[in-house]
Structures are given as structure tokens and as C-alpha cells.
Amino acid sequence: MRKAMLIAAAIAVLAAKAPAGAQEKLEVVASFSILADFVKNVGGDRVQVTALVGPNADAHVYAPTPADAKTLAGARVVVVNGLGFEGWIARLVKASATQATVVVASKGVKPRRQDAVHEPGHGEADPHAWQSVANARIYVANIRDGLAAADPAGREAYAAAAAAYLAKLDALEQEVKDAIAALPPERRRIITTHDAFGYFADAYGVAFIAPQGVSTEAEASARDVGRIVAQIKRQKVPAVFLENVTDPRLVRRIAEETGARIGGTLYSDALTGADGPAPTYIELMRHNVRTLAAALWPR
């Protein structure tokens, strides 16, 4: 009996000294893939992350499932974008009856207003704030604080991981600025499917033109398409770009009508899978900038 008690006591001591990664992980649900990447970089081995809307999927039109409600019910932390990006998330949180802490990653971001040309009468904010690296820093800080509040024992670990990741974002921002600055100003006009790059445009000095508004739920009108076709011809816009979350047919039609070449695919609202060109936020931004630079540079 004494021997059994000594063994049990030894096991208890070892368990208390076990590294955080060996203990139960903090269950975190992120609404879409970009947020999940931020959580992984801040949470490291202390968290288990699930993205409701996965790689190459469109969160604007996502339809939650009963399995999603079950996933939320078991979470300790739920990370959402906010700014109206996930129109379905509030209903899902309520339906799940989750007791999780809800972290709004965009809290503190100065929102830009959506283009009233595309969606007149609406004053909602443009939700794609992560397209500015400076805003991504705000996201990371909010996620760091949310994880620490739910898991106080990991506060120092989250702070250290966030600091290391923020340093990478600083380097990324300089890369983006340098790449755009190298383009002649008259070449910094970009055609995409939906208006997902407004924060990028404001931060780095380029002009994005899109026939759809900030949500892919909106249908582009013939008038909007005609306006953009005329603008491309008038300003001699050299290239148009596809997006991984939208139907490519609209951009291809515009390219055919204007003679502009298709410059490649940009990643706006979702990462790719691990074997794609944008499996992380940092690689997404790098890919987009390189694609833009290659297509817009004078030939």
C-alpha cells in the first residue's frame, strides 16, 4: 500500500511539472482561416484551434451547420472578425449556448466605410481590416489578451509568442511598402472581383476597383461592370485579378471586353491549404504583393 501511495505521489509531482504542451490545450474556435492562423501564432502549443470557414472558402456566404454549433459549445474561446464580416456568427453563438469568451479581433480598428456606389443606402464598415498589416497587429494584440484572459497561466507564453510574431509583421509591412513604392504611380490601379482590399489601398497607396461591394453576396450590376470596363479603357489599366473566394467568370469577362490581361489570383478572405501559395497570413500578403508587382510592372 505504501509503495502504491509513493508511486501515485510521484506521478502527481511529475504532472505538476509537465510542460504546458503536455497538458490539456485551450480549445479555440476561429470564424475563418486567417484568424485561425493568428491564433496559432500567438497560442502555439497551448491551444487547439478550429476554423469554422476553412481554406479557400467564402465566409460571406457560409451556412453554419449543427456540427459548428457543437464545436462552439465545446470551446473556451471564440475569435471572430467583427465589423459585420460574419453575418451568421451571432446566431450561431446563441444557438450553441457556448460559455466561451468571444474575442472580437478587429476591436480598436478604425473602420473604413464601404463603397456606397456598390451598395447605396448602407453605412456598414468594410470588414476586411486585416488587409492592412498595421490592423493585423491590432488583431494579434486582441487575440493575445483574449487567450491570456481565458488561460492566465499562459499569459507570459502568449505575450512572448505575440511579440515574436509582431516583429515578423513589422518586417512584412516594410516588404509590402517597398514593393508598392517601386511601382510607378500610374500603374497602381488594380481590378478585382469584390471590394476586399480597401484597407490595403488606403495603407499602401494603390487604387482597387471592383464591380461587387465589400460582400460577395452582392451581385454586380450591368451598370457597375460597364463603368469599370470604361475606366479600364480610359486609364489603360494593364491587368485584372482573380480571387480565390469568388467566381472567376466576371473578371474573365471584363478582361475579354477590355483587352487587359489576367494578372493572377489574389487571396482576400481566406488562406489556401498547406500546399497552396498562401497557407499563412504572412505568405498571403507576400503572394499578393508579388503577384501585383509582377503584373503591373511596365513591360
C-alpha atoms as a PDB file:
ATOM      1  CA  MET A   1       0.000   0.000   0.000  1.00  0.00           C
ATOM      2  CA  ARG A   2       2.819   2.414   0.969  1.00  0.00           C
ATOM      3  CA  LYS A   3       4.595   1.682  -2.315  1.00  0.00           C
ATOM      4  CA  ALA A   4       1.413   2.416  -4.301  1.00  0.00           C
ATOM      5  CA  MET A   5       0.970   5.724  -2.460  1.00  0.00           C
ATOM      6  CA  LEU A   6       4.573   6.736  -3.216  1.00  0.00           C
ATOM      7  CA  ILE A   7       4.084   5.960  -6.902  1.00  0.00           C
ATOM      8  CA  ALA A   8       0.864   7.986  -7.005  1.00  0.00           C
ATOM      9  CA  ALA A   9       2.599  10.932  -5.308  1.00  0.00           C
ATOM     10  CA  ALA A  10       5.479  10.774  -7.802  1.00  0.00           C
ATOM     11  CA  ILE A  11       3.059  10.795 -10.724  1.00  0.00           C
ATOM     12  CA  ALA A  12       1.292  13.846  -9.278  1.00  0.00           C
ATOM     13  CA  VAL A  13       4.589  15.732  -8.932  1.00  0.00           C
ATOM     14  CA  LEU A  14       5.597  14.909 -12.490  1.00  0.00           C
ATOM     15  CA  ALA A  15       2.219  16.032 -13.793  1.00  0.00           C
ATOM     16  CA  ALA A  16       2.544  19.357 -11.989  1.00  0.00           C
ATOM     17  CA  LYS A  17       5.951  19.912 -13.564  1.00  0.00           C
ATOM     18  CA  ALA A  18       4.885  18.809 -17.057  1.00  0.00           C
ATOM     19  CA  PRO A  19       5.268  21.438 -19.785  1.00  0.00           C
ATOM     20  CA  ALA A  20       2.137  23.321 -20.887  1.00  0.00           C
ATOM     21  CA  GLY A  21       2.072  21.469 -24.202  1.00  0.00           C
ATOM     22  CA  ALA A  22       1.596  18.164 -22.341  1.00  0.00           C
ATOM     23  CA  GLN A  23      -1.461  19.406 -20.504  1.00  0.00           C
ATOM     24  CA  GLU A  24      -4.971  19.967 -21.749  1.00  0.00           C
ATOM     25  CA  LYS A  25      -4.979  22.539 -24.520  1.00  0.00           C
ATOM     26  CA  LEU A  26      -7.181  25.603 -24.666  1.00  0.00           C
ATOM     27  CA  GLU A  27      -9.934  24.930 -27.194  1.00  0.00           C
ATOM     28  CA  VAL A  28     -10.228  27.926 -29.515  1.00  0.00           C
ATOM     29  CA  VAL A  29     -12.632  28.345 -32.427  1.00  0.00           C
ATOM     30  CA  ALA A  30     -11.873  30.981 -35.070  1.00  0.00           C
ATOM     31  CA  SER A  31     -14.548  32.043 -37.512  1.00  0.00           C
ATOM     32  CA  PHE A  32     -12.301  31.747 -40.590  1.00  0.00           C
ATOM     33  CA  SER A  33      -8.853  30.639 -41.685  1.00  0.00           C
ATOM     34  CA  ILE A  34      -6.928  33.926 -41.399  1.00  0.00           C
ATOM     35  CA  LEU A  35      -7.985  34.369 -37.773  1.00  0.00           C
ATOM     36  CA  ALA A  36      -7.071  30.749 -37.070  1.00  0.00           C
ATOM     37  CA  ASP A  37      -3.543  31.457 -38.315  1.00  0.00           C
ATOM     38  CA  PHE A  38      -3.218  34.439 -35.980  1.00  0.00           C
ATOM     39  CA  VAL A  39      -4.384  32.288 -33.061  1.00  0.00           C
ATOM     40  CA  LYS A  40      -1.859  29.554 -33.887  1.00  0.00           C
ATOM     41  CA  ASN A  41       0.989  32.042 -33.956  1.00  0.00           C
ATOM     42  CA  VAL A  42       0.034  33.548 -30.590  1.00  0.00           C
ATOM     43  CA  GLY A  43      -1.212  30.389 -28.867  1.00  0.00           C
ATOM     44  CA  GLY A  44       1.426  27.915 -30.009  1.00  0.00           C
ATOM     45  CA  ASP A  45       1.309  24.562 -28.247  1.00  0.00           C
ATOM     46  CA  ARG A  46      -1.073  25.796 -25.558  1.00  0.00           C
ATOM     47  CA  VAL A  47      -4.065  25.968 -27.911  1.00  0.00           C
ATOM     48  CA  GLN A  48      -6.093  23.703 -30.157  1.00  0.00           C
ATOM     49  CA  VAL A  49      -7.548  25.801 -32.981  1.00  0.00           C
ATOM     50  CA  THR A  50     -10.527  25.042 -35.214  1.00  0.00           C
ATOM     51  CA  ALA A  51     -11.570  27.292 -38.119  1.00  0.00           C
ATOM     52  CA  LEU A  52     -15.271  27.219 -38.953  1.00  0.00           C
ATOM     53  CA  VAL A  53     -14.673  28.503 -42.501  1.00  0.00           C
ATOM     54  CA  GLY A  54     -11.632  26.759 -43.871  1.00  0.00           C
ATOM     55  CA  PRO A  55      -9.098  27.350 -46.662  1.00  0.00           C
ATOM     56  CA  ASN A  56     -10.363  28.831 -49.949  1.00  0.00           C
ATOM     57  CA  ALA A  57     -13.884  29.164 -48.511  1.00  0.00           C
ATOM     58  CA  ASP A  58     -16.044  32.303 -48.506  1.00  0.00           C
ATOM     59  CA  ALA A  59     -17.127  33.440 -45.046  1.00  0.00           C
ATOM     60  CA  HIS A  60     -19.570  35.985 -46.531  1.00  0.00           C
ATOM     61  CA  VAL A  61     -21.909  33.265 -47.766  1.00  0.00           C
ATOM     62  CA  TYR A  62     -21.075  30.491 -45.302  1.00  0.00           C
ATOM     63  CA  ALA A  63     -24.010  28.481 -43.936  1.00  0.00           C
ATOM     64  CA  PRO A  64     -23.289  27.133 -40.416  1.00  0.00           C
ATOM     65  CA  THR A  65     -24.097  23.509 -39.643  1.00  0.00           C
ATOM     66  CA  PRO A  66     -25.263  21.732 -36.474  1.00  0.00           C
ATOM     67  CA  ALA A  67     -21.697  20.426 -36.159  1.00  0.00           C
ATOM     68  CA  ASP A  68     -20.480  24.039 -35.943  1.00  0.00           C
ATOM     69  CA  ALA A  69     -22.807  24.697 -33.015  1.00  0.00           C
ATOM     70  CA  LYS A  70     -21.404  21.614 -31.294  1.00  0.00           C
ATOM     71  CA  THR A  71     -17.851  22.844 -31.936  1.00  0.00           C
ATOM     72  CA  LEU A  72     -18.642  26.230 -30.406  1.00  0.00           C
ATOM     73  CA  ALA A  73     -20.310  24.604 -27.396  1.00  0.00           C
ATOM     74  CA  GLY A  74     -17.018  22.899 -26.518  1.00  0.00           C
ATOM     75  CA  ALA A  75     -14.821  25.957 -26.982  1.00  0.00           C
ATOM     76  CA  ARG A  76     -13.220  28.077 -24.272  1.00  0.00           C
ATOM     77  CA  VAL A  77     -12.516  30.987 -26.637  1.00  0.00           C
ATOM     78  CA  VAL A  78     -14.251  32.034 -29.869  1.00  0.00           C
ATOM     79  CA  VAL A  79     -12.393  34.518 -32.079  1.00  0.00           C
ATOM     80  CA  VAL A  80     -14.429  36.493 -34.622  1.00  0.00           C
ATOM     81  CA  ASN A  81     -13.537  39.280 -37.006  1.00  0.00           C
ATOM     82  CA  GLY A  82     -16.400  41.635 -36.250  1.00  0.00           C
ATOM     83  CA  LEU A  83     -17.292  44.675 -38.393  1.00  0.00           C
ATOM     84  CA  GLY A  84     -20.177  42.649 -39.835  1.00  0.00           C
ATOM     85  CA  PHE A  85     -17.917  40.192 -41.666  1.00  0.00           C
ATOM     86  CA  GLU A  86     -19.604  37.047 -40.345  1.00  0.00           C
ATOM     87  CA  GLY A  87     -23.296  37.908 -40.579  1.00  0.00           C
ATOM     88  CA  TRP A  88     -24.155  34.459 -39.249  1.00  0.00           C
ATOM     89  CA  ILE A  89     -21.875  34.297 -36.196  1.00  0.00           C
ATOM     90  CA  ALA A  90     -24.152  35.918 -33.586  1.00  0.00           C
ATOM     91  CA  ARG A  91     -26.971  33.462 -34.361  1.00  0.00           C
ATOM     92  CA  LEU A  92     -24.549  30.545 -34.232  1.00  0.00           C
ATOM     93  CA  VAL A  93     -23.104  31.610 -30.873  1.00  0.00           C
ATOM     94  CA  LYS A  94     -26.610  31.924 -29.448  1.00  0.00           C
ATOM     95  CA  ALA A  95     -27.728  28.577 -30.867  1.00  0.00           C
ATOM     96  CA  SER A  96     -24.678  26.813 -29.461  1.00  0.00           C
ATOM     97  CA  ALA A  97     -25.259  28.134 -25.919  1.00  0.00           C
ATOM     98  CA  THR A  98     -21.479  28.286 -25.615  1.00  0.00           C
ATOM     99  CA  GLN A  99     -19.923  29.656 -22.443  1.00  0.00           C
ATOM    100  CA  ALA A 100     -16.770  30.623 -24.337  1.00  0.00           C
ATOM    101  CA  THR A 101     -15.183  34.046 -24.207  1.00  0.00           C
ATOM    102  CA  VAL A 102     -15.842  35.821 -27.518  1.00  0.00           C
ATOM    103  CA  VAL A 103     -12.854  37.835 -28.739  1.00  0.00           C
ATOM    104  CA  VAL A 104     -13.543  40.420 -31.466  1.00  0.00           C
ATOM    105  CA  ALA A 105     -10.218  40.580 -33.278  1.00  0.00           C
ATOM    106  CA  SER A 106     -10.915  43.903 -35.004  1.00  0.00           C
ATOM    107  CA  LYS A 107     -11.674  45.769 -31.754  1.00  0.00           C
ATOM    108  CA  GLY A 108      -9.832  49.091 -31.908  1.00  0.00           C
ATOM    109  CA  VAL A 109      -9.512  49.167 -35.705  1.00  0.00           C
ATOM    110  CA  LYS A 110     -10.587  52.429 -37.310  1.00  0.00           C
ATOM    111  CA  PRO A 111     -13.189  51.174 -39.806  1.00  0.00           C
ATOM    112  CA  ARG A 112     -13.436  52.465 -43.321  1.00  0.00           C
ATOM    113  CA  ARG A 113     -16.866  52.801 -44.879  1.00  0.00           C
ATOM    114  CA  GLN A 114     -17.903  50.547 -47.723  1.00  0.00           C
ATOM    115  CA  ASP A 115     -18.316  51.906 -51.235  1.00  0.00           C
ATOM    116  CA  ALA A 116     -21.794  53.424 -51.485  1.00  0.00           C
ATOM    117  CA  VAL A 117     -21.588  53.110 -55.273  1.00  0.00           C
ATOM    118  CA  HIS A 118     -21.974  49.350 -54.939  1.00  0.00           C
ATOM    119  CA  GLU A 119     -24.352  49.210 -52.008  1.00  0.00           C
ATOM    120  CA  PRO A 120     -26.199  52.540 -51.753  1.00  0.00           C
ATOM    121  CA  GLY A 121     -28.046  53.247 -48.548  1.00  0.00           C
ATOM    122  CA  HIS A 122     -25.721  51.099 -46.460  1.00  0.00           C
ATOM    123  CA  GLY A 123     -23.296  52.618 -43.992  1.00  0.00           C
ATOM    124  CA  GLU A 124     -21.702  49.467 -42.654  1.00  0.00           C
ATOM    125  CA  ALA A 125     -17.971  49.254 -42.157  1.00  0.00           C
ATOM    126  CA  ASP A 126     -15.692  47.462 -44.578  1.00  0.00           C
ATOM    127  CA  PRO A 127     -14.811  44.323 -42.588  1.00  0.00           C
ATOM    128  CA  HIS A 128     -11.586  43.329 -44.400  1.00  0.00           C
ATOM    129  CA  ALA A 129      -9.340  45.177 -41.944  1.00  0.00           C
ATOM    130  CA  TRP A 130      -6.587  42.519 -41.938  1.00  0.00           C
ATOM    131  CA  GLN A 131      -5.563  43.653 -45.435  1.00  0.00           C
ATOM    132  CA  SER A 132      -3.540  46.367 -43.674  1.00  0.00           C
ATOM    133  CA  VAL A 133      -0.627  44.878 -41.737  1.00  0.00           C
ATOM    134  CA  ALA A 134      -0.989  47.647 -39.146  1.00  0.00           C
ATOM    135  CA  ASN A 135      -4.505  46.374 -38.467  1.00  0.00           C
ATOM    136  CA  ALA A 136      -3.242  42.797 -38.309  1.00  0.00           C
ATOM    137  CA  ARG A 137      -1.098  43.950 -35.395  1.00  0.00           C
ATOM    138  CA  ILE A 138      -4.284  45.065 -33.608  1.00  0.00           C
ATOM    139  CA  TYR A 139      -5.839  41.661 -34.284  1.00  0.00           C
ATOM    140  CA  VAL A 140      -2.840  39.898 -32.769  1.00  0.00           C
ATOM    141  CA  ALA A 141      -2.878  42.072 -29.634  1.00  0.00           C
ATOM    142  CA  ASN A 142      -6.595  41.394 -29.104  1.00  0.00           C
ATOM    143  CA  ILE A 143      -6.082  37.655 -29.549  1.00  0.00           C
ATOM    144  CA  ARG A 144      -3.118  37.684 -27.143  1.00  0.00           C
ATOM    145  CA  ASP A 145      -5.204  39.409 -24.483  1.00  0.00           C
ATOM    146  CA  GLY A 146      -8.200  37.128 -25.065  1.00  0.00           C
ATOM    147  CA  LEU A 147      -6.144  33.961 -24.713  1.00  0.00           C
ATOM    148  CA  ALA A 148      -4.444  35.278 -21.582  1.00  0.00           C
ATOM    149  CA  ALA A 149      -7.796  36.115 -20.007  1.00  0.00           C
ATOM    150  CA  ALA A 150      -9.051  32.577 -20.633  1.00  0.00           C
ATOM    151  CA  ASP A 151      -5.765  30.922 -19.647  1.00  0.00           C
ATOM    152  CA  PRO A 152      -3.940  33.141 -17.094  1.00  0.00           C
ATOM    153  CA  ALA A 153      -1.229  30.528 -16.587  1.00  0.00           C
ATOM    154  CA  GLY A 154      -0.167  31.038 -20.186  1.00  0.00           C
ATOM    155  CA  ARG A 155      -0.053  34.836 -20.083  1.00  0.00           C
ATOM    156  CA  GLU A 156       3.744  35.072 -20.379  1.00  0.00           C
ATOM    157  CA  ALA A 157       3.856  32.474 -23.136  1.00  0.00           C
ATOM    158  CA  TYR A 158       1.200  34.306 -25.135  1.00  0.00           C
ATOM    159  CA  ALA A 159       2.966  37.642 -24.649  1.00  0.00           C
ATOM    160  CA  ALA A 160       6.300  36.219 -25.830  1.00  0.00           C
ATOM    161  CA  ALA A 161       4.787  34.496 -28.872  1.00  0.00           C
ATOM    162  CA  ALA A 162       2.815  37.598 -29.811  1.00  0.00           C
ATOM    163  CA  ALA A 163       5.932  39.782 -29.551  1.00  0.00           C
ATOM    164  CA  ALA A 164       7.868  37.436 -31.841  1.00  0.00           C
ATOM    165  CA  TYR A 165       5.026  37.358 -34.366  1.00  0.00           C
ATOM    166  CA  LEU A 166       4.565  41.129 -34.252  1.00  0.00           C
ATOM    167  CA  ALA A 167       8.241  41.516 -35.160  1.00  0.00           C
ATOM    168  CA  LYS A 168       7.580  39.349 -38.234  1.00  0.00           C
ATOM    169  CA  LEU A 169       4.622  41.563 -39.119  1.00  0.00           C
ATOM    170  CA  ASP A 170       6.842  44.647 -38.857  1.00  0.00           C
ATOM    171  CA  ALA A 171       9.210  43.111 -41.401  1.00  0.00           C
ATOM    172  CA  LEU A 172       6.266  42.131 -43.599  1.00  0.00           C
ATOM    173  CA  GLU A 173       4.887  45.660 -43.601  1.00  0.00           C
ATOM    174  CA  GLN A 174       8.218  47.028 -44.801  1.00  0.00           C
ATOM    175  CA  GLU A 175       8.283  44.420 -47.593  1.00  0.00           C
ATOM    176  CA  VAL A 176       4.823  45.495 -48.738  1.00  0.00           C
ATOM    177  CA  LYS A 177       5.660  49.196 -48.649  1.00  0.00           C
ATOM    178  CA  ASP A 178       8.905  48.694 -50.567  1.00  0.00           C
ATOM    179  CA  ALA A 179       7.239  46.579 -53.262  1.00  0.00           C
ATOM    180  CA  ILE A 180       4.415  49.062 -53.875  1.00  0.00           C
ATOM    181  CA  ALA A 181       6.752  52.065 -53.750  1.00  0.00           C
ATOM    182  CA  ALA A 182       8.779  50.513 -56.569  1.00  0.00           C
ATOM    183  CA  LEU A 183       5.760  50.600 -58.914  1.00  0.00           C
ATOM    184  CA  PRO A 184       5.228  53.771 -60.987  1.00  0.00           C
ATOM    185  CA  PRO A 185       2.226  55.654 -59.528  1.00  0.00           C
ATOM    186  CA  GLU A 186       0.282  55.462 -62.793  1.00  0.00           C
ATOM    187  CA  ARG A 187       0.482  51.655 -62.670  1.00  0.00           C
ATOM    188  CA  ARG A 188      -1.069  51.338 -59.208  1.00  0.00           C
ATOM    189  CA  ARG A 189      -4.633  50.647 -60.401  1.00  0.00           C
ATOM    190  CA  ILE A 190      -5.995  47.187 -59.695  1.00  0.00           C
ATOM    191  CA  ILE A 191      -9.221  45.455 -60.763  1.00  0.00           C
ATOM    192  CA  THR A 192     -10.573  42.673 -58.522  1.00  0.00           C
ATOM    193  CA  THR A 193     -13.929  40.933 -58.170  1.00  0.00           C
ATOM    194  CA  HIS A 194     -15.171  42.268 -54.825  1.00  0.00           C
ATOM    195  CA  ASP A 195     -14.129  45.232 -52.716  1.00  0.00           C
ATOM    196  CA  ALA A 196     -11.916  43.374 -50.250  1.00  0.00           C
ATOM    197  CA  PHE A 197      -8.740  45.427 -50.496  1.00  0.00           C
ATOM    198  CA  GLY A 198      -9.789  48.892 -49.330  1.00  0.00           C
ATOM    199  CA  TYR A 199      -7.577  48.852 -46.245  1.00  0.00           C
ATOM    200  CA  PHE A 200      -4.630  47.717 -48.379  1.00  0.00           C
ATOM    201  CA  ALA A 201      -5.338  50.564 -50.793  1.00  0.00           C
ATOM    202  CA  ASP A 202      -5.511  53.178 -48.032  1.00  0.00           C
ATOM    203  CA  ALA A 203      -2.365  51.917 -46.302  1.00  0.00           C
ATOM    204  CA  TYR A 204      -0.084  51.458 -49.303  1.00  0.00           C
ATOM    205  CA  GLY A 205      -1.223  53.955 -51.910  1.00  0.00           C
ATOM    206  CA  VAL A 206      -2.926  51.907 -54.600  1.00  0.00           C
ATOM    207  CA  ALA A 207      -6.399  52.047 -56.159  1.00  0.00           C
ATOM    208  CA  PHE A 208      -8.611  48.956 -56.178  1.00  0.00           C
ATOM    209  CA  ILE A 209     -11.681  48.884 -58.397  1.00  0.00           C
ATOM    210  CA  ALA A 210     -14.304  46.154 -58.001  1.00  0.00           C
ATOM    211  CA  PRO A 211     -17.718  45.526 -59.615  1.00  0.00           C
ATOM    212  CA  GLN A 212     -19.025  43.959 -56.386  1.00  0.00           C
ATOM    213  CA  GLY A 213     -19.206  45.621 -52.987  1.00  0.00           C
ATOM    214  CA  VAL A 214     -17.487  44.514 -49.799  1.00  0.00           C
ATOM    215  CA  SER A 215     -19.551  41.308 -49.656  1.00  0.00           C
ATOM    216  CA  THR A 216     -19.559  38.557 -52.257  1.00  0.00           C
ATOM    217  CA  GLU A 217     -23.282  38.207 -51.568  1.00  0.00           C
ATOM    218  CA  ALA A 218     -23.900  41.309 -53.692  1.00  0.00           C
ATOM    219  CA  GLU A 219     -24.431  40.803 -57.425  1.00  0.00           C
ATOM    220  CA  ALA A 220     -22.525  43.131 -59.740  1.00  0.00           C
ATOM    221  CA  SER A 221     -24.932  45.143 -61.879  1.00  0.00           C
ATOM    222  CA  ALA A 222     -24.501  45.642 -65.610  1.00  0.00           C
ATOM    223  CA  ARG A 223     -24.027  49.343 -64.866  1.00  0.00           C
ATOM    224  CA  ASP A 224     -21.139  48.643 -62.468  1.00  0.00           C
ATOM    225  CA  VAL A 225     -19.455  46.330 -64.951  1.00  0.00           C
ATOM    226  CA  GLY A 226     -19.888  48.851 -67.757  1.00  0.00           C
ATOM    227  CA  ARG A 227     -18.434  51.610 -65.599  1.00  0.00           C
ATOM    228  CA  ILE A 228     -15.346  49.538 -64.824  1.00  0.00           C
ATOM    229  CA  VAL A 229     -14.867  48.479 -68.453  1.00  0.00           C
ATOM    230  CA  ALA A 230     -14.916  52.138 -69.486  1.00  0.00           C
ATOM    231  CA  GLN A 231     -12.490  53.064 -66.708  1.00  0.00           C
ATOM    232  CA  ILE A 232     -10.025  50.320 -67.668  1.00  0.00           C
ATOM    233  CA  LYS A 233     -10.004  51.502 -71.265  1.00  0.00           C
ATOM    234  CA  ARG A 234      -9.746  55.172 -70.310  1.00  0.00           C
ATOM    235  CA  GLN A 235      -6.938  54.728 -67.778  1.00  0.00           C
ATOM    236  CA  LYS A 236      -5.238  51.867 -69.642  1.00  0.00           C
ATOM    237  CA  VAL A 237      -5.318  49.584 -66.590  1.00  0.00           C
ATOM    238  CA  PRO A 238      -2.897  46.794 -67.544  1.00  0.00           C
ATOM    239  CA  ALA A 239      -4.234  43.814 -65.591  1.00  0.00           C
ATOM    240  CA  VAL A 240      -7.212  42.392 -63.726  1.00  0.00           C
ATOM    241  CA  PHE A 241      -7.020  39.858 -60.902  1.00  0.00           C
ATOM    242  CA  LEU A 242      -8.985  36.827 -59.785  1.00  0.00           C
ATOM    243  CA  GLU A 243      -9.737  35.980 -56.138  1.00  0.00           C
ATOM    244  CA  ASN A 244      -9.710  32.573 -54.504  1.00  0.00           C
ATOM    245  CA  VAL A 245     -13.151  33.038 -52.899  1.00  0.00           C
ATOM    246  CA  THR A 246     -15.092  34.435 -55.868  1.00  0.00           C
ATOM    247  CA  ASP A 247     -16.413  33.222 -59.215  1.00  0.00           C
ATOM    248  CA  PRO A 248     -13.721  33.958 -61.839  1.00  0.00           C
ATOM    249  CA  ARG A 249     -16.179  34.413 -64.709  1.00  0.00           C
ATOM    250  CA  LEU A 250     -16.871  38.091 -64.027  1.00  0.00           C
ATOM    251  CA  VAL A 251     -13.206  39.109 -64.091  1.00  0.00           C
ATOM    252  CA  ARG A 252     -12.593  36.998 -67.198  1.00  0.00           C
ATOM    253  CA  ARG A 253     -15.475  38.750 -68.926  1.00  0.00           C
ATOM    254  CA  ILE A 254     -14.034  42.150 -68.033  1.00  0.00           C
ATOM    255  CA  ALA A 255     -10.624  41.065 -69.320  1.00  0.00           C
ATOM    256  CA  GLU A 256     -12.127  39.933 -72.624  1.00  0.00           C
ATOM    257  CA  GLU A 257     -14.041  43.192 -73.101  1.00  0.00           C
ATOM    258  CA  THR A 258     -11.082  45.438 -72.300  1.00  0.00           C
ATOM    259  CA  GLY A 259      -8.054  43.532 -73.515  1.00  0.00           C
ATOM    260  CA  ALA A 260      -6.478  43.719 -70.056  1.00  0.00           C
ATOM    261  CA  ARG A 261      -4.570  40.596 -69.128  1.00  0.00           C
ATOM    262  CA  ILE A 262      -5.393  38.441 -66.104  1.00  0.00           C
ATOM    263  CA  GLY A 263      -2.567  39.137 -63.691  1.00  0.00           C
ATOM    264  CA  GLY A 264      -3.110  36.167 -61.400  1.00  0.00           C
ATOM    265  CA  THR A 265      -5.061  35.216 -58.289  1.00  0.00           C
ATOM    266  CA  LEU A 266      -5.155  37.334 -55.141  1.00  0.00           C
ATOM    267  CA  TYR A 267      -6.079  35.958 -51.723  1.00  0.00           C
ATOM    268  CA  SER A 268      -8.532  38.182 -49.911  1.00  0.00           C
ATOM    269  CA  ASP A 269     -10.781  36.470 -47.366  1.00  0.00           C
ATOM    270  CA  ALA A 270      -9.211  33.033 -46.954  1.00  0.00           C
ATOM    271  CA  LEU A 271      -5.908  31.224 -46.847  1.00  0.00           C
ATOM    272  CA  THR A 272      -5.065  28.312 -49.121  1.00  0.00           C
ATOM    273  CA  GLY A 273      -4.402  24.795 -47.920  1.00  0.00           C
ATOM    274  CA  ALA A 274      -0.936  23.874 -46.708  1.00  0.00           C
ATOM    275  CA  ASP A 275       0.193  23.016 -50.240  1.00  0.00           C
ATOM    276  CA  GLY A 276      -1.044  26.302 -51.755  1.00  0.00           C
ATOM    277  CA  PRO A 277       0.754  29.641 -52.192  1.00  0.00           C
ATOM    278  CA  ALA A 278      -0.900  31.338 -49.188  1.00  0.00           C
ATOM    279  CA  PRO A 279      -1.143  28.891 -46.257  1.00  0.00           C
ATOM    280  CA  THR A 280      -0.465  31.642 -43.680  1.00  0.00           C
ATOM    281  CA  TYR A 281      -1.326  35.321 -43.357  1.00  0.00           C
ATOM    282  CA  ILE A 282       2.278  36.365 -43.967  1.00  0.00           C
ATOM    283  CA  GLU A 283       2.507  34.220 -47.097  1.00  0.00           C
ATOM    284  CA  LEU A 284      -0.876  35.557 -48.252  1.00  0.00           C
ATOM    285  CA  MET A 285       0.355  39.145 -48.103  1.00  0.00           C
ATOM    286  CA  ARG A 286       3.679  38.280 -49.737  1.00  0.00           C
ATOM    287  CA  HIS A 287       1.969  36.361 -52.524  1.00  0.00           C
ATOM    288  CA  ASN A 288      -0.469  39.195 -53.224  1.00  0.00           C
ATOM    289  CA  VAL A 289       2.236  41.846 -53.363  1.00  0.00           C
ATOM    290  CA  ARG A 290       4.496  39.760 -55.597  1.00  0.00           C
ATOM    291  CA  THR A 291       1.588  38.975 -57.906  1.00  0.00           C
ATOM    292  CA  LEU A 292       0.629  42.636 -58.163  1.00  0.00           C
ATOM    293  CA  ALA A 293       4.204  43.758 -58.768  1.00  0.00           C
ATOM    294  CA  ALA A 294       4.793  41.161 -61.477  1.00  0.00           C
ATOM    295  CA  ALA A 295       1.591  42.020 -63.350  1.00  0.00           C
ATOM    296  CA  LEU A 296       1.687  45.817 -63.015  1.00  0.00           C
ATOM    297  CA  TRP A 297       5.366  46.472 -63.674  1.00  0.00           C
ATOM    298  CA  PRO A 298       5.829  48.162 -67.111  1.00  0.00           C
ATOM    299  CA  ARG A 299       6.775  45.767 -69.888  1.00  0.00           C
END
